[in-house]
Amino acid sequence: MSWRGGWQRTAAKAGKVYPRGEAPGWVALWQRLDPRQESPEGDAMLGRLALICCVPILIAYGSAGLLYGHLALLTPGGFIDMPGACAWLTATASFALAVALLDVLVAGDAPPPPPAQPRSITTTHTIWQAPGRPLRQVQLKTALPPVPPTAARTRRLRAAGFIVAAIACASALVGRGLLALGLEAFARPVIALAPRAEWPLWPLSSVWSWLLPFARDDFVLGLIVIGVGLFFFTQFLAWRKVRRAWLPLAVIVPLLVALAYLGSAAYDFAAARRLGGLRDADLVFALARDPGRHNAYTFLSLWMAIGCASVGLLLGYLMGRSGSLDDED
C-alpha cells in the first residue's frame, strides 16, 4: 500500500501545475522534454547534449586514423577507404571539427554584444552683429560614427576549426582520387602508430560473446521487419492526424541501427581472431595481411553503434518532438 501510495503521490506531483520557476528539478526537466508541448529550452538542451556527444566521437575517430593508418570517410556514395596520408588528413579534419564544436559549446550561449550606440557632439557658435557686439548664439549638433561595442567577440577559434576541417577533408578526397587514378603518393608509406592495438576496440574483447547474436541473419532481418512495421504504423498515425506521429520512428530506428552495428563489430572482432569457434577465412586473412585496415573498420562499426545510440537518438527525439517530420497540410 505504501509503494502504491508513493507512486500516486509522485504521479500527482508530476501532473501538478507549478508557478514558473518553482517546480522541482526533475519535474522541470520533464516539462522541458515533454514531447506533447513546445519548449525552446528543451530543444536547446537536447541540441547541446548532442554536440557534447559528438566531441568524443570525433576525437576517437581521429585517434583511430593515427593508430591504424586507415579510416573510412562517409560520402554521398557511401563509405570510402582512406589509407596512408589520406587517413591522417581525415583525422586532422576530425580533430579540427572537434575543436570547433568545443568552441560552440563553450561560447555558444554567450549573450550577443549590445548594438553600437550613436554619438553626437554639440557646439555653440556666436553670431556677431559688430565687433564686440554679439547678436545671438546658435547650438549645432554634429553626428559622429558609432563606436563598435567592446564586448564583440570574434569567433576565430571556431572559424579556424571549420576552415582547417574543410581544407583537410578536401585534401583527403583529392588524395583518394589520385589513388583511384593509380598514383600511390597518398598511400605510401602507411603511417600507423599501432596497427595491431586492440585496446581502442574495448569493450569488444570482453562482451563480444554477448553481442554475437545481434549479427545473426534472422536477427538483422527482424530489425528490418520492425523498422518497416514501425514506419507504416507511424504513417497511419500521421494519416490520423496524431500529433508527433513520427516520434516513435525517429527514436527507435537509431537504436535498431545501433544493434546491427554492434553485431557487425562483434563478429568482425571474434571471427578474425577465431574466437568462440568462428571460422571465417576472409576475416582471418584480412587481419593477418593488413591489421590496421581491419581494426579500423571494426572500430568504425563499434563507434557507429555508439553514435546512433547517443547522437542519433537525441537528434531523432528532437526532430520528432519538434514536429519537423510531421506532414503539413
Protein backbone atom coordinates (compact mmCIF):
# COMPACT_ATOMS: atom_id res chain seq x y z
CA MET A 1 0.00 0.00 0.00
CA SER A 2 2.82 2.38 0.85
CA TRP A 3 4.52 1.74 -2.52
CA ARG A 4 1.28 2.33 -4.39
CA GLY A 5 0.57 5.48 -2.40
CA GLY A 6 4.09 6.77 -3.07
CA TRP A 7 3.66 6.17 -6.82
CA GLN A 8 0.35 8.00 -6.81
CA ARG A 9 1.90 10.95 -5.00
CA THR A 10 4.78 11.01 -7.49
CA ALA A 11 2.37 10.96 -10.46
CA ALA A 12 0.26 13.72 -8.89
CA LYS A 13 3.39 15.78 -8.28
CA ALA A 14 4.45 15.37 -11.91
CA GLY A 15 1.00 16.37 -13.18
CA LYS A 16 0.64 19.37 -10.88
CA VAL A 17 0.89 22.81 -12.46
CA TYR A 18 3.62 24.79 -10.71
CA PRO A 19 4.28 28.52 -10.95
CA ARG A 20 7.15 29.34 -13.26
CA GLY A 21 10.47 28.61 -11.60
CA GLU A 22 9.02 26.76 -8.57
CA ALA A 23 8.77 23.19 -9.93
CA PRO A 24 11.18 20.53 -8.57
CA GLY A 25 14.23 19.81 -10.69
CA TRP A 26 13.08 16.53 -12.21
CA VAL A 27 9.59 17.91 -12.87
CA ALA A 28 11.02 20.98 -14.62
CA LEU A 29 13.30 18.73 -16.69
CA TRP A 30 10.39 16.56 -17.81
CA GLN A 31 8.31 19.62 -18.65
CA ARG A 32 11.12 20.82 -20.93
CA LEU A 33 11.48 17.41 -22.61
CA ASP A 34 7.78 16.50 -22.75
CA PRO A 35 7.05 15.67 -26.44
CA ARG A 36 3.45 16.85 -26.04
CA GLN A 37 4.35 20.51 -25.69
CA GLU A 38 6.69 23.06 -27.23
CA SER A 39 9.75 24.01 -25.23
CA PRO A 40 12.58 26.06 -26.76
CA GLU A 41 14.63 25.43 -23.60
CA GLY A 42 14.26 21.68 -24.03
CA ASP A 43 15.20 21.84 -27.72
CA ALA A 44 18.31 23.87 -26.91
CA MET A 45 19.26 21.42 -24.16
CA LEU A 46 18.87 18.41 -26.49
CA GLY A 47 20.90 20.08 -29.23
CA ARG A 48 23.66 20.96 -26.77
CA LEU A 49 23.69 17.41 -25.41
CA ALA A 50 24.02 16.07 -28.97
CA LEU A 51 27.06 18.32 -29.52
CA ILE A 52 28.58 17.09 -26.25
CA CYS A 53 28.24 13.51 -27.52
CA CYS A 54 29.73 14.43 -30.90
CA VAL A 55 33.03 15.71 -29.50
CA PRO A 56 34.37 12.42 -28.02
CA ILE A 57 33.19 10.53 -31.11
CA LEU A 58 35.17 12.87 -33.37
CA ILE A 59 38.25 12.63 -31.14
CA ALA A 60 38.03 8.82 -31.08
CA TYR A 61 37.54 8.72 -34.86
CA GLY A 62 40.62 10.85 -35.48
CA SER A 63 42.69 8.85 -32.98
CA ALA A 64 41.79 5.62 -34.82
CA GLY A 65 43.18 7.10 -38.04
CA LEU A 66 46.51 7.88 -36.35
CA LEU A 67 46.73 4.46 -34.69
CA TYR A 68 45.66 2.22 -37.55
CA GLY A 69 46.72 4.25 -40.60
CA HIS A 70 43.30 3.69 -42.17
CA LEU A 71 39.92 5.40 -41.93
CA ALA A 72 36.61 5.31 -43.74
CA LEU A 73 35.08 8.62 -44.82
CA LEU A 74 31.34 8.94 -45.30
CA THR A 75 30.40 10.40 -48.70
CA PRO A 76 27.08 10.61 -50.57
CA GLY A 77 28.08 7.38 -52.30
CA GLY A 78 28.81 5.56 -49.03
CA PHE A 79 31.97 4.92 -47.01
CA ILE A 80 35.26 5.04 -48.90
CA ASP A 81 38.59 3.72 -47.67
CA MET A 82 41.19 6.32 -46.67
CA PRO A 83 44.66 4.74 -46.42
CA GLY A 84 48.01 6.30 -45.63
CA ALA A 85 48.23 10.07 -45.77
CA CYS A 86 44.52 10.29 -46.62
CA ALA A 87 43.74 8.77 -43.21
CA TRP A 88 45.91 11.34 -41.44
CA LEU A 89 44.27 14.18 -43.35
CA THR A 90 40.84 12.81 -42.41
CA ALA A 91 41.97 12.55 -38.79
CA THR A 92 43.13 16.17 -38.91
CA ALA A 93 39.70 17.21 -40.17
CA SER A 94 38.07 15.26 -37.35
CA PHE A 95 40.24 16.91 -34.68
CA ALA A 96 39.65 20.39 -36.15
CA LEU A 97 35.90 19.82 -36.20
CA ALA A 98 36.02 18.67 -32.57
CA VAL A 99 37.83 21.89 -31.61
CA ALA A 100 35.21 23.97 -33.44
CA LEU A 101 32.37 22.16 -31.66
CA LEU A 102 34.11 22.67 -28.31
CA ASP A 103 34.20 26.40 -29.02
CA VAL A 104 30.49 26.28 -29.87
CA LEU A 105 29.79 24.51 -26.57
CA VAL A 106 31.91 26.88 -24.50
CA ALA A 107 30.89 30.19 -26.09
CA GLY A 108 27.67 29.29 -27.88
CA ASP A 109 25.44 30.55 -25.06
CA ALA A 110 27.24 33.86 -24.64
CA PRO A 111 24.84 36.81 -24.99
CA PRO A 112 25.12 38.79 -28.22
CA PRO A 113 27.06 42.05 -27.98
CA PRO A 114 24.97 45.19 -27.44
CA PRO A 115 24.29 47.27 -30.53
CA ALA A 116 26.56 50.17 -31.25
CA GLN A 117 25.27 53.40 -29.76
CA PRO A 118 25.17 56.51 -31.98
CA ARG A 119 27.20 59.52 -30.83
CA SER A 120 26.91 63.24 -31.37
CA ILE A 121 28.57 66.43 -30.13
CA THR A 122 27.00 69.84 -29.64
CA THR A 123 28.96 73.01 -30.44
CA THR A 124 27.99 76.62 -29.76
CA HIS A 125 28.55 79.30 -32.43
CA THR A 126 28.26 83.04 -31.76
CA ILE A 127 26.86 85.35 -34.46
CA TRP A 128 28.33 88.87 -34.15
CA GLN A 129 26.45 92.00 -35.18
CA ALA A 130 29.64 94.09 -34.93
CA PRO A 131 32.97 93.68 -33.23
CA GLY A 132 32.31 93.44 -29.53
CA ARG A 133 28.52 93.25 -30.04
CA PRO A 134 27.31 89.60 -30.18
CA LEU A 135 23.88 89.15 -31.73
CA ARG A 136 22.95 85.60 -30.70
CA GLN A 137 24.37 82.16 -30.11
CA VAL A 138 23.45 79.04 -32.12
CA GLN A 139 23.95 75.41 -30.97
CA LEU A 140 24.77 72.89 -33.69
CA LYS A 141 24.64 69.08 -33.16
CA THR A 142 27.07 67.03 -35.22
CA ALA A 143 26.60 63.25 -35.59
CA LEU A 144 29.69 61.07 -35.18
CA PRO A 145 30.18 57.47 -36.38
CA PRO A 146 29.07 54.91 -33.77
CA VAL A 147 31.67 53.18 -31.64
CA PRO A 148 31.68 49.41 -32.07
CA PRO A 149 30.93 47.58 -28.82
CA THR A 150 33.98 46.40 -26.92
CA ALA A 151 32.19 43.18 -25.92
CA ALA A 152 32.03 41.93 -29.51
CA ARG A 153 33.87 38.60 -29.68
CA THR A 154 35.22 37.28 -32.94
CA ARG A 155 34.81 33.50 -33.20
CA ARG A 156 38.31 33.00 -34.54
CA LEU A 157 38.87 29.57 -33.00
CA ARG A 158 35.55 28.28 -34.29
CA ALA A 159 36.12 29.66 -37.77
CA ALA A 160 39.68 28.31 -37.85
CA GLY A 161 38.43 24.85 -36.85
CA PHE A 162 35.84 24.73 -39.61
CA ILE A 163 38.30 26.07 -42.20
CA VAL A 164 41.01 23.54 -41.27
CA ALA A 165 38.45 20.72 -41.29
CA ALA A 166 37.20 21.71 -44.75
CA ILE A 167 40.72 22.00 -46.20
CA ALA A 168 41.88 18.70 -44.68
CA CYS A 169 38.76 16.85 -45.82
CA ALA A 170 39.04 18.25 -49.35
CA SER A 171 42.73 17.32 -49.48
CA ALA A 172 41.92 13.78 -48.35
CA LEU A 173 39.30 13.44 -51.07
CA VAL A 174 41.76 14.74 -53.69
CA GLY A 175 44.36 12.27 -52.48
CA ARG A 176 41.86 9.43 -52.62
CA GLY A 177 41.01 10.44 -56.18
CA LEU A 178 44.69 10.33 -57.11
CA LEU A 179 44.89 6.85 -55.59
CA ALA A 180 41.98 5.76 -57.76
CA LEU A 181 43.93 7.01 -60.79
CA GLY A 182 46.91 4.87 -59.83
CA LEU A 183 49.10 7.45 -58.08
CA GLU A 184 50.45 5.95 -54.85
CA ALA A 185 51.78 9.17 -53.35
CA PHE A 186 48.99 9.40 -50.77
CA ALA A 187 49.06 5.69 -49.86
CA ARG A 188 52.76 5.14 -49.13
CA PRO A 189 54.07 4.94 -46.60
CA VAL A 190 51.13 3.80 -44.44
CA ILE A 191 51.83 5.65 -41.20
CA ALA A 192 50.25 3.64 -38.40
CA LEU A 193 51.28 4.13 -34.76
CA ALA A 194 49.81 0.83 -33.53
CA PRO A 195 48.04 -1.16 -36.28
CA ARG A 196 47.54 -4.24 -34.05
CA ALA A 197 46.33 -2.36 -30.96
CA GLU A 198 43.15 -3.87 -29.51
CA TRP A 199 42.58 -1.51 -26.58
CA PRO A 200 40.72 1.04 -28.78
CA LEU A 201 38.23 -1.76 -29.51
CA TRP A 202 37.32 -2.17 -25.85
CA PRO A 203 34.84 -3.48 -24.68
CA LEU A 204 34.59 -5.89 -27.64
CA SER A 205 37.30 -8.07 -26.11
CA SER A 206 35.03 -8.69 -23.09
CA VAL A 207 31.47 -8.61 -24.45
CA TRP A 208 31.86 -10.00 -27.98
CA SER A 209 30.11 -13.25 -27.00
CA TRP A 210 27.04 -11.33 -25.78
CA LEU A 211 26.89 -9.24 -28.96
CA LEU A 212 27.30 -12.07 -31.46
CA PRO A 213 23.54 -12.88 -31.53
CA PHE A 214 23.00 -9.38 -32.97
CA ALA A 215 25.00 -10.44 -36.05
CA ARG A 216 22.72 -13.36 -36.95
CA ASP A 217 20.87 -13.03 -40.23
CA ASP A 218 17.48 -13.72 -38.65
CA PHE A 219 18.08 -11.05 -36.01
CA VAL A 220 19.05 -8.45 -38.64
CA LEU A 221 16.01 -9.46 -40.70
CA GLY A 222 13.87 -8.98 -37.59
CA LEU A 223 15.29 -5.48 -37.14
CA ILE A 224 14.35 -4.65 -40.73
CA VAL A 225 10.82 -6.02 -40.23
CA ILE A 226 10.43 -3.98 -37.04
CA GLY A 227 11.61 -0.85 -38.82
CA VAL A 228 9.26 -1.34 -41.77
CA GLY A 229 6.33 -2.13 -39.48
CA LEU A 230 7.08 0.93 -37.36
CA PHE A 231 7.21 3.08 -40.49
CA PHE A 232 3.72 2.01 -41.59
CA PHE A 233 2.42 2.41 -38.03
CA THR A 234 3.70 6.00 -37.83
CA GLN A 235 2.35 6.63 -41.33
CA PHE A 236 -1.06 5.53 -40.07
CA LEU A 237 -0.74 7.81 -37.04
CA ALA A 238 0.18 10.72 -39.30
CA TRP A 239 -2.82 9.96 -41.51
CA ARG A 240 -5.00 10.04 -38.39
CA LYS A 241 -3.55 13.49 -37.58
CA VAL A 242 -1.89 12.29 -34.37
CA ARG A 243 0.48 14.92 -33.10
CA ARG A 244 4.16 13.90 -33.01
CA ALA A 245 3.25 10.83 -35.04
CA TRP A 246 6.80 10.28 -36.30
CA LEU A 247 8.39 10.41 -32.85
CA PRO A 248 8.43 6.59 -32.32
CA LEU A 249 10.14 6.01 -35.67
CA ALA A 250 12.70 8.77 -35.10
CA VAL A 251 13.59 7.39 -31.66
CA ILE A 252 13.55 3.63 -32.24
CA VAL A 253 15.25 3.42 -35.66
CA PRO A 254 18.64 4.76 -34.38
CA LEU A 255 18.55 2.08 -31.66
CA LEU A 256 17.85 -0.65 -34.23
CA VAL A 257 20.76 0.54 -36.37
CA ALA A 258 22.98 0.60 -33.26
CA LEU A 259 22.17 -3.06 -32.53
CA ALA A 260 23.03 -4.05 -36.11
CA TYR A 261 26.40 -2.25 -35.94
CA LEU A 262 27.18 -3.82 -32.55
CA GLY A 263 26.60 -7.27 -34.03
CA SER A 264 28.81 -6.45 -37.02
CA ALA A 265 31.64 -5.18 -34.80
CA ALA A 266 31.46 -8.24 -32.54
CA TYR A 267 31.51 -10.65 -35.47
CA ASP A 268 34.44 -8.91 -37.20
CA PHE A 269 36.42 -8.89 -33.94
CA ALA A 270 35.75 -12.51 -32.97
CA ALA A 271 35.88 -14.17 -36.39
CA ALA A 272 39.20 -12.58 -37.33
CA ARG A 273 40.73 -13.99 -34.14
CA ARG A 274 38.98 -17.39 -34.28
CA LEU A 275 37.16 -16.76 -31.00
CA GLY A 276 34.19 -18.87 -29.99
CA GLY A 277 34.81 -21.42 -32.72
CA LEU A 278 34.05 -18.95 -35.51
CA ARG A 279 35.67 -19.72 -38.84
CA ASP A 280 35.87 -17.01 -41.49
CA ALA A 281 38.94 -17.36 -43.67
CA ASP A 282 38.43 -13.97 -45.30
CA LEU A 283 38.48 -12.09 -41.99
CA VAL A 284 41.44 -14.09 -40.68
CA PHE A 285 43.38 -13.29 -43.84
CA ALA A 286 42.37 -9.62 -43.72
CA LEU A 287 43.62 -9.26 -40.13
CA ALA A 288 46.91 -11.01 -40.93
CA ARG A 289 47.53 -9.10 -44.17
CA ASP A 290 46.54 -5.58 -43.08
CA PRO A 291 45.69 -5.40 -39.36
CA GLY A 292 45.37 -1.62 -39.39
CA ARG A 293 42.63 -1.63 -42.03
CA HIS A 294 40.67 -4.48 -40.42
CA ASN A 295 40.87 -2.95 -36.93
CA ALA A 296 39.88 0.46 -38.30
CA TYR A 297 36.70 -0.90 -39.83
CA THR A 298 35.89 -2.87 -36.67
CA PHE A 299 36.43 0.34 -34.71
CA LEU A 300 34.16 2.19 -37.12
CA SER A 301 31.34 -0.33 -36.63
CA LEU A 302 31.65 -0.05 -32.85
CA TRP A 303 31.58 3.74 -32.81
CA MET A 304 28.81 3.93 -35.40
CA ALA A 305 26.73 1.98 -32.88
CA ILE A 306 27.74 4.38 -30.12
CA GLY A 307 26.90 7.38 -32.31
CA CYS A 308 23.48 6.02 -33.31
CA ALA A 309 22.63 5.20 -29.67
CA SER A 310 23.65 8.66 -28.46
CA VAL A 311 23.67 11.39 -31.11
CA GLY A 312 21.17 9.63 -33.37
CA LEU A 313 18.75 9.05 -30.52
CA LEU A 314 18.95 12.67 -29.36
CA LEU A 315 18.54 14.12 -32.86
CA GLY A 316 15.69 11.74 -33.64
CA TYR A 317 13.87 12.71 -30.47
CA LEU A 318 14.48 16.38 -31.20
CA MET A 319 13.15 16.13 -34.77
CA GLY A 320 10.13 14.05 -33.79
CA ARG A 321 9.35 16.29 -30.83
CA SER A 322 9.59 19.50 -32.83
CA GLY A 323 7.12 18.15 -35.38
CA SER A 324 9.56 18.72 -38.27
CA LEU A 325 8.78 15.21 -39.56
CA ASP A 326 5.02 15.66 -39.49
CA ASP A 327 3.11 16.12 -42.72
CA GLU A 328 1.85 19.63 -43.27
CA ASP A 329 -1.43 20.29 -44.99
